[in-house]
């Protein structure tokens, strides 16, 4: 996180809303891939892909050890993802529902 703020709280919220609206407006996987490749570093993309893979495996009731062995993701990250899945903002649950359609 930034230690200083250039934008006001209201401007930060507007920028965040604009980002999410832009992502939601992308129509194809190819468009999303291009956008995220421009937006994120390779390490950030890898972290997001890893976390999504962990979500998919957690809902299959695999153990943390099984998930680690399959993905190489740390137990700490698996635990964080599991906590978000069970008591987060429902973002993973909503995305899973959308992905099943």
PDB file of N, CA and C in Angstrom:
ATOM      1  N   UNK A   1       0.827  -1.177   0.000  1.00  0.00           N
ATOM      2  CA  UNK A   1       0.000   0.000   0.000  1.00  0.00           C
ATOM      3  C   UNK A   1       0.874   1.244   0.000  1.00  0.00           C
ATOM      4  N   UNK A   2       0.312   2.287  -0.546  1.00  0.00           N
ATOM      5  CA  UNK A   2       1.035   3.546  -0.567  1.00  0.00           C
ATOM      6  C   UNK A   2       1.085   4.129   0.840  1.00  0.00           C
ATOM      7  N   UNK A   3       2.221   4.747   1.181  1.00  0.00           N
ATOM      8  CA  UNK A   3       2.351   5.416   2.473  1.00  0.00           C
ATOM      9  C   UNK A   3       1.793   6.831   2.434  1.00  0.00           C
ATOM     10  N   UNK A   4       1.502   7.300   1.247  1.00  0.00           N
ATOM     11  CA  UNK A   4       1.013   8.667   1.106  1.00  0.00           C
ATOM     12  C   UNK A   4      -0.167   8.645   0.140  1.00  0.00           C
ATOM     13  N   UNK A   5      -0.968   9.638   0.220  1.00  0.00           N
ATOM     14  CA  UNK A   5      -2.140   9.742  -0.647  1.00  0.00           C
ATOM     15  C   UNK A   5      -2.011  10.964  -1.542  1.00  0.00           C
ATOM     16  N   UNK A   6      -2.119  10.707  -2.825  1.00  0.00           N
ATOM     17  CA  UNK A   6      -2.157  11.802  -3.784  1.00  0.00           C
ATOM     18  C   UNK A   6      -3.617  12.167  -4.044  1.00  0.00           C
ATOM     19  N   UNK A   7      -4.459  11.150  -4.104  1.00  0.00           N
ATOM     20  CA  UNK A   7      -5.880  11.360  -4.339  1.00  0.00           C
ATOM     21  C   UNK A   7      -6.622  11.450  -3.006  1.00  0.00           C
ATOM     22  N   UNK A   8      -7.694  12.188  -3.012  1.00  0.00           N
ATOM     23  CA  UNK A   8      -8.553  12.232  -1.825  1.00  0.00           C
ATOM     24  C   UNK A   8      -9.266  10.884  -1.698  1.00  0.00           C
ATOM     25  N   UNK A   9      -9.871  10.654  -0.558  1.00  0.00           N
ATOM     26  CA  UNK A   9     -10.625   9.423  -0.336  1.00  0.00           C
ATOM     27  C   UNK A   9     -11.725   9.262  -1.387  1.00  0.00           C
ATOM     28  N   UNK A  10     -12.394  10.342  -1.700  1.00  0.00           N
ATOM     29  CA  UNK A  10     -13.451  10.316  -2.714  1.00  0.00           C
ATOM     30  C   UNK A  10     -12.869   9.972  -4.096  1.00  0.00           C
ATOM     31  N   UNK A  11     -11.728  10.567  -4.428  1.00  0.00           N
ATOM     32  CA  UNK A  11     -11.096  10.265  -5.716  1.00  0.00           C
ATOM     33  C   UNK A  11     -10.627   8.810  -5.773  1.00  0.00           C
ATOM     34  N   UNK A  12     -10.111   8.294  -4.657  1.00  0.00           N
ATOM     35  CA  UNK A  12      -9.688   6.888  -4.581  1.00  0.00           C
ATOM     36  C   UNK A  12     -10.891   5.979  -4.842  1.00  0.00           C
ATOM     37  N   UNK A  13     -12.022   6.284  -4.230  1.00  0.00           N
ATOM     38  CA  UNK A  13     -13.230   5.485  -4.406  1.00  0.00           C
ATOM     39  C   UNK A  13     -13.699   5.541  -5.854  1.00  0.00           C
ATOM     40  N   UNK A  14     -13.658   6.724  -6.445  1.00  0.00           N
ATOM     41  CA  UNK A  14     -14.053   6.885  -7.841  1.00  0.00           C
ATOM     42  C   UNK A  14     -13.131   6.072  -8.752  1.00  0.00           C
ATOM     43  N   UNK A  15     -11.832   6.120  -8.497  1.00  0.00           N
ATOM     44  CA  UNK A  15     -10.871   5.361  -9.302  1.00  0.00           C
ATOM     45  C   UNK A  15     -11.105   3.857  -9.154  1.00  0.00           C
ATOM     46  N   UNK A  16     -11.386   3.427  -7.932  1.00  0.00           N
ATOM     47  CA  UNK A  16     -11.655   2.007  -7.693  1.00  0.00           C
ATOM     48  C   UNK A  16     -12.928   1.575  -8.422  1.00  0.00           C
ATOM     49  N   UNK A  17     -13.980   2.355  -8.308  1.00  0.00           N
ATOM     50  CA  UNK A  17     -15.231   2.035  -8.999  1.00  0.00           C
ATOM     51  C   UNK A  17     -15.029   1.995 -10.510  1.00  0.00           C
ATOM     52  N   UNK A  18     -14.239   2.927 -11.026  1.00  0.00           N
ATOM     53  CA  UNK A  18     -13.952   2.956 -12.456  1.00  0.00           C
ATOM     54  C   UNK A  18     -13.208   1.692 -12.882  1.00  0.00           C
ATOM     55  N   UNK A  19     -12.246   1.267 -12.074  1.00  0.00           N
ATOM     56  CA  UNK A  19     -11.500   0.045 -12.384  1.00  0.00           C
ATOM     57  C   UNK A  19     -12.439  -1.150 -12.464  1.00  0.00           C
ATOM     58  N   UNK A  20     -13.276  -1.335 -11.431  1.00  0.00           N
ATOM     59  CA  UNK A  20     -14.180  -2.484 -11.407  1.00  0.00           C
ATOM     60  C   UNK A  20     -15.207  -2.416 -12.524  1.00  0.00           C
ATOM     61  N   UNK A  21     -15.702  -1.241 -12.827  1.00  0.00           N
ATOM     62  CA  UNK A  21     -16.655  -1.087 -13.930  1.00  0.00           C
ATOM     63  C   UNK A  21     -16.003  -1.448 -15.260  1.00  0.00           C
ATOM     64  N   UNK A  22     -14.766  -1.040 -15.417  1.00  0.00           N
ATOM     65  CA  UNK A  22     -14.035  -1.355 -16.645  1.00  0.00           C
ATOM     66  C   UNK A  22     -13.851  -2.857 -16.783  1.00  0.00           C
ATOM     67  N   UNK A  23     -13.447  -3.523 -15.694  1.00  0.00           N
ATOM     68  CA  UNK A  23     -13.267  -4.980 -15.732  1.00  0.00           C
ATOM     69  C   UNK A  23     -14.594  -5.654 -16.078  1.00  0.00           C
ATOM     70  N   UNK A  24     -15.669  -5.215 -15.445  1.00  0.00           N
ATOM     71  CA  UNK A  24     -16.982  -5.812 -15.691  1.00  0.00           C
ATOM     72  C   UNK A  24     -17.448  -5.598 -17.131  1.00  0.00           C
ATOM     73  N   UNK A  25     -16.964  -4.564 -17.786  1.00  0.00           N
ATOM     74  CA  UNK A  25     -17.406  -4.261 -19.148  1.00  0.00           C
ATOM     75  C   UNK A  25     -16.652  -5.059 -20.214  1.00  0.00           C
ATOM     76  N   UNK A  26     -15.541  -5.669 -19.851  1.00  0.00           N
ATOM     77  CA  UNK A  26     -14.776  -6.436 -20.829  1.00  0.00           C
ATOM     78  C   UNK A  26     -15.586  -7.657 -21.243  1.00  0.00           C
ATOM     79  N   UNK A  27     -15.627  -7.924 -22.550  1.00  0.00           N
ATOM     80  CA  UNK A  27     -16.568  -8.914 -23.052  1.00  0.00           C
ATOM     81  C   UNK A  27     -15.973 -10.292 -23.324  1.00  0.00           C
ATOM     82  N   UNK A  28     -14.684 -10.390 -23.529  1.00  0.00           N
ATOM     83  CA  UNK A  28     -14.110 -11.693 -23.873  1.00  0.00           C
ATOM     84  C   UNK A  28     -12.936 -12.017 -22.957  1.00  0.00           C
ATOM     85  N   UNK A  29     -12.617 -13.294 -22.902  1.00  0.00           N
ATOM     86  CA  UNK A  29     -11.446 -13.725 -22.139  1.00  0.00           C
ATOM     87  C   UNK A  29     -10.197 -13.065 -22.707  1.00  0.00           C
ATOM     88  N   UNK A  30     -10.141 -12.952 -24.014  1.00  0.00           N
ATOM     89  CA  UNK A  30      -8.988 -12.317 -24.665  1.00  0.00           C
ATOM     90  C   UNK A  30      -8.842 -10.855 -24.238  1.00  0.00           C
ATOM     91  N   UNK A  31      -9.962 -10.138 -24.163  1.00  0.00           N
ATOM     92  CA  UNK A  31      -9.934  -8.747 -23.707  1.00  0.00           C
ATOM     93  C   UNK A  31      -9.450  -8.663 -22.256  1.00  0.00           C
ATOM     94  N   UNK A  32      -9.965  -9.554 -21.422  1.00  0.00           N
ATOM     95  CA  UNK A  32      -9.557  -9.570 -20.006  1.00  0.00           C
ATOM     96  C   UNK A  32      -8.072  -9.884 -19.877  1.00  0.00           C
ATOM     97  N   UNK A  33      -7.614 -10.889 -20.616  1.00  0.00           N
ATOM     98  CA  UNK A  33      -6.204 -11.267 -20.556  1.00  0.00           C
ATOM     99  C   UNK A  33      -5.315 -10.076 -20.932  1.00  0.00           C
ATOM    100  N   UNK A  34      -5.643  -9.410 -22.017  1.00  0.00           N
ATOM    101  CA  UNK A  34      -4.839  -8.271 -22.464  1.00  0.00           C
ATOM    102  C   UNK A  34      -4.843  -7.152 -21.427  1.00  0.00           C
ATOM    103  N   UNK A  35      -6.015  -6.872 -20.866  1.00  0.00           N
ATOM    104  CA  UNK A  35      -6.122  -5.816 -19.865  1.00  0.00           C
ATOM    105  C   UNK A  35      -5.270  -6.140 -18.639  1.00  0.00           C
ATOM    106  N   UNK A  36      -5.432  -7.369 -18.103  1.00  0.00           N
ATOM    107  CA  UNK A  36      -4.686  -7.737 -16.904  1.00  0.00           C
ATOM    108  C   UNK A  36      -3.186  -7.850 -17.168  1.00  0.00           C
ATOM    109  N   UNK A  37      -2.788  -8.259 -18.368  1.00  0.00           N
ATOM    110  CA  UNK A  37      -1.366  -8.297 -18.683  1.00  0.00           C
ATOM    111  C   UNK A  37      -0.765  -6.893 -18.700  1.00  0.00           C
ATOM    112  N   UNK A  38      -1.550  -5.924 -19.122  1.00  0.00           N
ATOM    113  CA  UNK A  38      -1.084  -4.541 -19.089  1.00  0.00           C
ATOM    114  C   UNK A  38      -1.146  -3.955 -17.681  1.00  0.00           C
ATOM    115  N   UNK A  39      -2.166  -4.323 -16.930  1.00  0.00           N
ATOM    116  CA  UNK A  39      -2.389  -3.751 -15.608  1.00  0.00           C
ATOM    117  C   UNK A  39      -1.440  -4.303 -14.547  1.00  0.00           C
ATOM    118  N   UNK A  40      -1.136  -5.594 -14.607  1.00  0.00           N
ATOM    119  CA  UNK A  40      -0.422  -6.277 -13.528  1.00  0.00           C
ATOM    120  C   UNK A  40       0.968  -6.714 -13.939  1.00  0.00           C
ATOM    121  N   UNK A  41       1.810  -6.887 -12.940  1.00  0.00           N
ATOM    122  CA  UNK A  41       3.120  -7.492 -13.184  1.00  0.00           C
ATOM    123  C   UNK A  41       2.919  -8.999 -13.343  1.00  0.00           C
ATOM    124  N   UNK A  42       3.888  -9.686 -13.950  1.00  0.00           N
ATOM    125  CA  UNK A  42       3.776 -11.148 -14.039  1.00  0.00           C
ATOM    126  C   UNK A  42       3.591 -11.816 -12.668  1.00  0.00           C
ATOM    127  N   UNK A  43       4.257 -11.303 -11.649  1.00  0.00           N
ATOM    128  CA  UNK A  43       4.121 -11.879 -10.301  1.00  0.00           C
ATOM    129  C   UNK A  43       2.713 -11.671  -9.753  1.00  0.00           C
ATOM    130  N   UNK A  44       2.120 -10.508 -10.006  1.00  0.00           N
ATOM    131  CA  UNK A  44       0.749 -10.251  -9.544  1.00  0.00           C
ATOM    132  C   UNK A  44      -0.245 -11.176 -10.245  1.00  0.00           C
ATOM    133  N   UNK A  45      -0.064 -11.366 -11.548  1.00  0.00           N
ATOM    134  CA  UNK A  45      -0.931 -12.282 -12.290  1.00  0.00           C
ATOM    135  C   UNK A  45      -0.790 -13.704 -11.778  1.00  0.00           C
ATOM    136  N   UNK A  46       0.437 -14.126 -11.522  1.00  0.00           N
ATOM    137  CA  UNK A  46       0.666 -15.476 -11.007  1.00  0.00           C
ATOM    138  C   UNK A  46      -0.012 -15.664  -9.648  1.00  0.00           C
ATOM    139  N   UNK A  47       0.091 -14.662  -8.784  1.00  0.00           N
ATOM    140  CA  UNK A  47      -0.542 -14.746  -7.472  1.00  0.00           C
ATOM    141  C   UNK A  47      -2.056 -14.866  -7.606  1.00  0.00           C
ATOM    142  N   UNK A  48      -2.654 -14.104  -8.507  1.00  0.00           N
ATOM    143  CA  UNK A  48      -4.101 -14.182  -8.696  1.00  0.00           C
ATOM    144  C   UNK A  48      -4.506 -15.534  -9.275  1.00  0.00           C
ATOM    145  N   UNK A  49      -3.751 -16.026 -10.258  1.00  0.00           N
ATOM    146  CA  UNK A  49      -4.066 -17.339 -10.834  1.00  0.00           C
ATOM    147  C   UNK A  49      -3.932 -18.426  -9.779  1.00  0.00           C
ATOM    148  N   UNK A  50      -2.890 -18.346  -8.963  1.00  0.00           N
ATOM    149  CA  UNK A  50      -2.705 -19.332  -7.888  1.00  0.00           C
ATOM    150  C   UNK A  50      -3.876 -19.317  -6.927  1.00  0.00           C
ATOM    151  N   UNK A  51      -4.303 -18.137  -6.518  1.00  0.00           N
ATOM    152  CA  UNK A  51      -5.405 -18.040  -5.561  1.00  0.00           C
ATOM    153  C   UNK A  51      -6.699 -18.589  -6.153  1.00  0.00           C
ATOM    154  N   UNK A  52      -6.938 -18.308  -7.412  1.00  0.00           N
ATOM    155  CA  UNK A  52      -8.149 -18.835  -8.034  1.00  0.00           C
ATOM    156  C   UNK A  52      -8.082 -20.364  -8.137  1.00  0.00           C
ATOM    157  N   UNK A  53      -6.920 -20.897  -8.453  1.00  0.00           N
ATOM    158  CA  UNK A  53      -6.754 -22.354  -8.483  1.00  0.00           C
ATOM    159  C   UNK A  53      -7.029 -22.947  -7.101  1.00  0.00           C
ATOM    160  N   UNK A  54      -6.565 -22.271  -6.055  1.00  0.00           N
ATOM    161  CA  UNK A  54      -6.797 -22.731  -4.683  1.00  0.00           C
ATOM    162  C   UNK A  54      -8.302 -22.724  -4.376  1.00  0.00           C
ATOM    163  N   UNK A  55      -9.011 -21.686  -4.774  1.00  0.00           N
ATOM    164  CA  UNK A  55     -10.463 -21.630  -4.557  1.00  0.00           C
ATOM    165  C   UNK A  55     -11.121 -22.856  -5.183  1.00  0.00           C
ATOM    166  N   UNK A  56     -10.774 -23.129  -6.417  1.00  0.00           N
ATOM    167  CA  UNK A  56     -11.375 -24.264  -7.135  1.00  0.00           C
ATOM    168  C   UNK A  56     -11.126 -25.584  -6.410  1.00  0.00           C
ATOM    169  N   UNK A  57      -9.930 -25.728  -5.844  1.00  0.00           N
ATOM    170  CA  UNK A  57      -9.588 -26.975  -5.142  1.00  0.00           C
ATOM    171  C   UNK A  57     -10.221 -27.035  -3.751  1.00  0.00           C
ATOM    172  N   UNK A  58     -10.325 -25.897  -3.087  1.00  0.00           N
ATOM    173  CA  UNK A  58     -10.964 -25.877  -1.766  1.00  0.00           C
ATOM    174  C   UNK A  58     -12.426 -26.303  -1.845  1.00  0.00           C
ATOM    175  N   UNK A  59     -13.124 -25.858  -2.869  1.00  0.00           N
ATOM    176  CA  UNK A  59     -14.540 -26.219  -2.975  1.00  0.00           C
ATOM    177  C   UNK A  59     -14.720 -27.687  -3.359  1.00  0.00           C
ATOM    178  N   UNK A  60     -13.634 -28.344  -3.747  1.00  0.00           N
ATOM    179  CA  UNK A  60     -13.663 -29.790  -3.993  1.00  0.00           C
ATOM    180  C   UNK A  60     -13.306 -30.560  -2.722  1.00  0.00           C
ATOM    181  N   UNK A  61     -13.153 -29.819  -1.615  1.00  0.00           N
ATOM    182  CA  UNK A  61     -12.845 -30.403  -0.302  1.00  0.00           C
ATOM    183  C   UNK A  61     -11.486 -31.082  -0.236  1.00  0.00           C
ATOM    184  N   UNK A  62     -10.520 -30.605  -1.018  1.00  0.00           N
ATOM    185  CA  UNK A  62      -9.163 -31.105  -0.879  1.00  0.00           C
ATOM    186  C   UNK A  62      -8.541 -30.513   0.373  1.00  0.00           C
ATOM    187  N   UNK A  63      -7.622 -31.226   0.961  1.00  0.00           N
ATOM    188  CA  UNK A  63      -6.919 -30.719   2.132  1.00  0.00           C
ATOM    189  C   UNK A  63      -5.900 -29.678   1.703  1.00  0.00           C
ATOM    190  N   UNK A  64      -5.464 -28.888   2.674  1.00  0.00           N
ATOM    191  CA  UNK A  64      -4.436 -27.887   2.386  1.00  0.00           C
ATOM    192  C   UNK A  64      -3.193 -28.571   1.816  1.00  0.00           C
ATOM    193  N   UNK A  65      -2.811 -29.706   2.368  1.00  0.00           N
ATOM    194  CA  UNK A  65      -1.614 -30.433   1.902  1.00  0.00           C
ATOM    195  C   UNK A  65      -1.789 -30.880   0.460  1.00  0.00           C
ATOM    196  N   UNK A  66      -2.968 -31.402   0.125  1.00  0.00           N
ATOM    197  CA  UNK A  66      -3.219 -31.830  -1.252  1.00  0.00           C
ATOM    198  C   UNK A  66      -3.145 -30.642  -2.212  1.00  0.00           C
ATOM    199  N   UNK A  67      -3.710 -29.527  -1.778  1.00  0.00           N
ATOM    200  CA  UNK A  67      -3.687 -28.323  -2.618  1.00  0.00           C
ATOM    201  C   UNK A  67      -2.255 -27.838  -2.792  1.00  0.00           C
ATOM    202  N   UNK A  68      -1.503 -27.801  -1.712  1.00  0.00           N
ATOM    203  CA  UNK A  68      -0.094 -27.390  -1.789  1.00  0.00           C
ATOM    204  C   UNK A  68       0.671 -28.301  -2.741  1.00  0.00           C
ATOM    205  N   UNK A  69       0.460 -29.609  -2.614  1.00  0.00           N
ATOM    206  CA  UNK A  69       1.186 -30.558  -3.466  1.00  0.00           C
ATOM    207  C   UNK A  69       0.831 -30.389  -4.934  1.00  0.00           C
ATOM    208  N   UNK A  70      -0.413 -30.025  -5.219  1.00  0.00           N
ATOM    209  CA  UNK A  70      -0.839 -29.842  -6.614  1.00  0.00           C
ATOM    210  C   UNK A  70      -0.409 -28.511  -7.211  1.00  0.00           C
ATOM    211  N   UNK A  71      -0.374 -27.473  -6.361  1.00  0.00           N
ATOM    212  CA  UNK A  71      -0.168 -26.121  -6.893  1.00  0.00           C
ATOM    213  C   UNK A  71       1.163 -25.485  -6.516  1.00  0.00           C
ATOM    214  N   UNK A  72       1.757 -25.933  -5.416  1.00  0.00           N
ATOM    215  CA  UNK A  72       2.962 -25.280  -4.911  1.00  0.00           C
ATOM    216  C   UNK A  72       2.672 -24.018  -4.123  1.00  0.00           C
ATOM    217  N   UNK A  73       1.398 -23.690  -3.948  1.00  0.00           N
ATOM    218  CA  UNK A  73       1.004 -22.500  -3.192  1.00  0.00           C
ATOM    219  C   UNK A  73       1.261 -22.764  -1.712  1.00  0.00           C
ATOM    220  N   UNK A  74       1.741 -21.736  -1.014  1.00  0.00           N
ATOM    221  CA  UNK A  74       2.072 -21.901   0.401  1.00  0.00           C
ATOM    222  C   UNK A  74       0.829 -22.180   1.233  1.00  0.00           C
ATOM    223  N   UNK A  75       1.048 -22.874   2.340  1.00  0.00           N
ATOM    224  CA  UNK A  75      -0.053 -23.169   3.262  1.00  0.00           C
ATOM    225  C   UNK A  75      -0.672 -21.872   3.787  1.00  0.00           C
ATOM    226  N   UNK A  76       0.159 -20.850   3.988  1.00  0.00           N
ATOM    227  CA  UNK A  76      -0.339 -19.560   4.473  1.00  0.00           C
ATOM    228  C   UNK A  76      -1.325 -18.958   3.483  1.00  0.00           C
ATOM    229  N   UNK A  77      -0.970 -18.971   2.209  1.00  0.00           N
ATOM    230  CA  UNK A  77      -1.859 -18.426   1.182  1.00  0.00           C
ATOM    231  C   UNK A  77      -3.122 -19.262   1.080  1.00  0.00           C
ATOM    232  N   UNK A  78      -2.989 -20.574   1.147  1.00  0.00           N
ATOM    233  CA  UNK A  78      -4.159 -21.446   1.095  1.00  0.00           C
ATOM    234  C   UNK A  78      -5.101 -21.108   2.254  1.00  0.00           C
ATOM    235  N   UNK A  79      -4.535 -20.912   3.439  1.00  0.00           N
ATOM    236  CA  UNK A  79      -5.339 -20.549   4.603  1.00  0.00           C
ATOM    237  C   UNK A  79      -6.047 -19.220   4.423  1.00  0.00           C
ATOM    238  N   UNK A  80      -5.351 -18.237   3.856  1.00  0.00           N
ATOM    239  CA  UNK A  80      -5.976 -16.928   3.615  1.00  0.00           C
ATOM    240  C   UNK A  80      -7.134 -17.044   2.639  1.00  0.00           C
ATOM    241  N   UNK A  81      -6.906 -17.798   1.567  1.00  0.00           N
ATOM    242  CA  UNK A  81      -7.967 -17.986   0.575  1.00  0.00           C
ATOM    243  C   UNK A  81      -9.154 -18.700   1.221  1.00  0.00           C
ATOM    244  N   UNK A  82      -8.883 -19.708   2.036  1.00  0.00           N
ATOM    245  CA  UNK A  82      -9.959 -20.453   2.703  1.00  0.00           C
ATOM    246  C   UNK A  82     -10.764 -19.535   3.613  1.00  0.00           C
ATOM    247  N   UNK A  83     -10.078 -18.656   4.348  1.00  0.00           N
ATOM    248  CA  UNK A  83     -10.791 -17.713   5.221  1.00  0.00           C
ATOM    249  C   UNK A  83     -11.680 -16.780   4.409  1.00  0.00           C
ATOM    250  N   UNK A  84     -11.161 -16.291   3.295  1.00  0.00           N
ATOM    251  CA  UNK A  84     -11.972 -15.414   2.439  1.00  0.00           C
ATOM    252  C   UNK A  84     -13.152 -16.166   1.850  1.00  0.00           C
ATOM    253  N   UNK A  85     -12.944 -17.415   1.519  1.00  0.00           N
ATOM    254  CA  UNK A  85     -14.011 -18.218   0.938  1.00  0.00           C
ATOM    255  C   UNK A  85     -15.143 -18.431   1.934  1.00  0.00           C
ATOM    256  N   UNK A  86     -14.796 -18.598   3.201  1.00  0.00           N
ATOM    257  CA  UNK A  86     -15.826 -18.873   4.203  1.00  0.00           C
ATOM    258  C   UNK A  86     -16.347 -17.627   4.900  1.00  0.00           C
ATOM    259  N   UNK A  87     -15.521 -16.604   5.044  1.00  0.00           N
ATOM    260  CA  UNK A  87     -15.989 -15.439   5.800  1.00  0.00           C
ATOM    261  C   UNK A  87     -15.505 -14.124   5.191  1.00  0.00           C
ATOM    262  N   UNK A  88     -15.327 -14.112   3.892  1.00  0.00           N
ATOM    263  CA  UNK A  88     -14.906 -12.885   3.222  1.00  0.00           C
ATOM    264  C   UNK A  88     -16.105 -12.097   2.721  1.00  0.00           C
ATOM    265  N   UNK A  89     -15.928 -11.410   1.622  1.00  0.00           N
ATOM    266  CA  UNK A  89     -16.958 -10.537   1.050  1.00  0.00           C
ATOM    267  C   UNK A  89     -17.879 -11.254   0.068  1.00  0.00           C
ATOM    268  N   UNK A  90     -17.767 -12.574  -0.010  1.00  0.00           N
ATOM    269  CA  UNK A  90     -18.520 -13.402  -0.963  1.00  0.00           C
ATOM    270  C   UNK A  90     -18.067 -13.230  -2.407  1.00  0.00           C
ATOM    271  N   UNK A  91     -16.934 -12.604  -2.597  1.00  0.00           N
ATOM    272  CA  UNK A  91     -16.414 -12.430  -3.954  1.00  0.00           C
ATOM    273  C   UNK A  91     -16.096 -13.745  -4.636  1.00  0.00           C
ATOM    274  N   UNK A  92     -15.435 -14.651  -3.905  1.00  0.00           N
ATOM    275  CA  UNK A  92     -15.124 -15.960  -4.487  1.00  0.00           C
ATOM    276  C   UNK A  92     -16.410 -16.727  -4.788  1.00  0.00           C
ATOM    277  N   UNK A  93     -17.350 -16.735  -3.842  1.00  0.00           N
ATOM    278  CA  UNK A  93     -18.603 -17.468  -4.033  1.00  0.00           C
ATOM    279  C   UNK A  93     -19.371 -16.930  -5.241  1.00  0.00           C
ATOM    280  N   UNK A  94     -19.436 -15.612  -5.372  1.00  0.00           N
ATOM    281  CA  UNK A  94     -20.120 -15.015  -6.522  1.00  0.00           C
ATOM    282  C   UNK A  94     -19.418 -15.378  -7.827  1.00  0.00           C
ATOM    283  N   UNK A  95     -18.105 -15.333  -7.823  1.00  0.00           N
ATOM    284  CA  UNK A  95     -17.349 -15.662  -9.033  1.00  0.00           C
ATOM    285  C   UNK A  95     -17.521 -17.136  -9.392  1.00  0.00           C
ATOM    286  N   UNK A  96     -17.549 -18.012  -8.398  1.00  0.00           N
ATOM    287  CA  UNK A  96     -17.777 -19.431  -8.661  1.00  0.00           C
ATOM    288  C   UNK A  96     -19.144 -19.657  -9.290  1.00  0.00           C
ATOM    289  N   UNK A  97     -20.156 -18.976  -8.766  1.00  0.00           N
ATOM    290  CA  UNK A  97     -21.497 -19.101  -9.337  1.00  0.00           C
ATOM    291  C   UNK A  97     -21.521 -18.643 -10.798  1.00  0.00           C
ATOM    292  N   UNK A  98     -20.871 -17.516 -11.065  1.00  0.00           N
ATOM    293  CA  UNK A  98     -20.820 -17.000 -12.429  1.00  0.00           C
ATOM    294  C   UNK A  98     -20.060 -17.950 -13.351  1.00  0.00           C
ATOM    295  N   UNK A  99     -18.978 -18.538 -12.840  1.00  0.00           N
ATOM    296  CA  UNK A  99     -18.166 -19.435 -13.650  1.00  0.00           C
ATOM    297  C   UNK A  99     -18.913 -20.717 -13.994  1.00  0.00           C
ATOM    298  N   UNK A 100     -19.867 -21.120 -13.147  1.00  0.00           N
ATOM    299  CA  UNK A 100     -20.632 -22.336 -13.381  1.00  0.00           C
ATOM    300  C   UNK A 100     -21.713 -22.148 -14.442  1.00  0.00           C
ATOM    301  N   UNK A 101     -22.058 -20.901 -14.755  1.00  0.00           N
ATOM    302  CA  UNK A 101     -23.114 -20.639 -15.759  1.00  0.00           C
ATOM    303  C   UNK A 101     -22.645 -20.976 -17.153  1.00  0.00           C
TER     304      UNK A 101
END
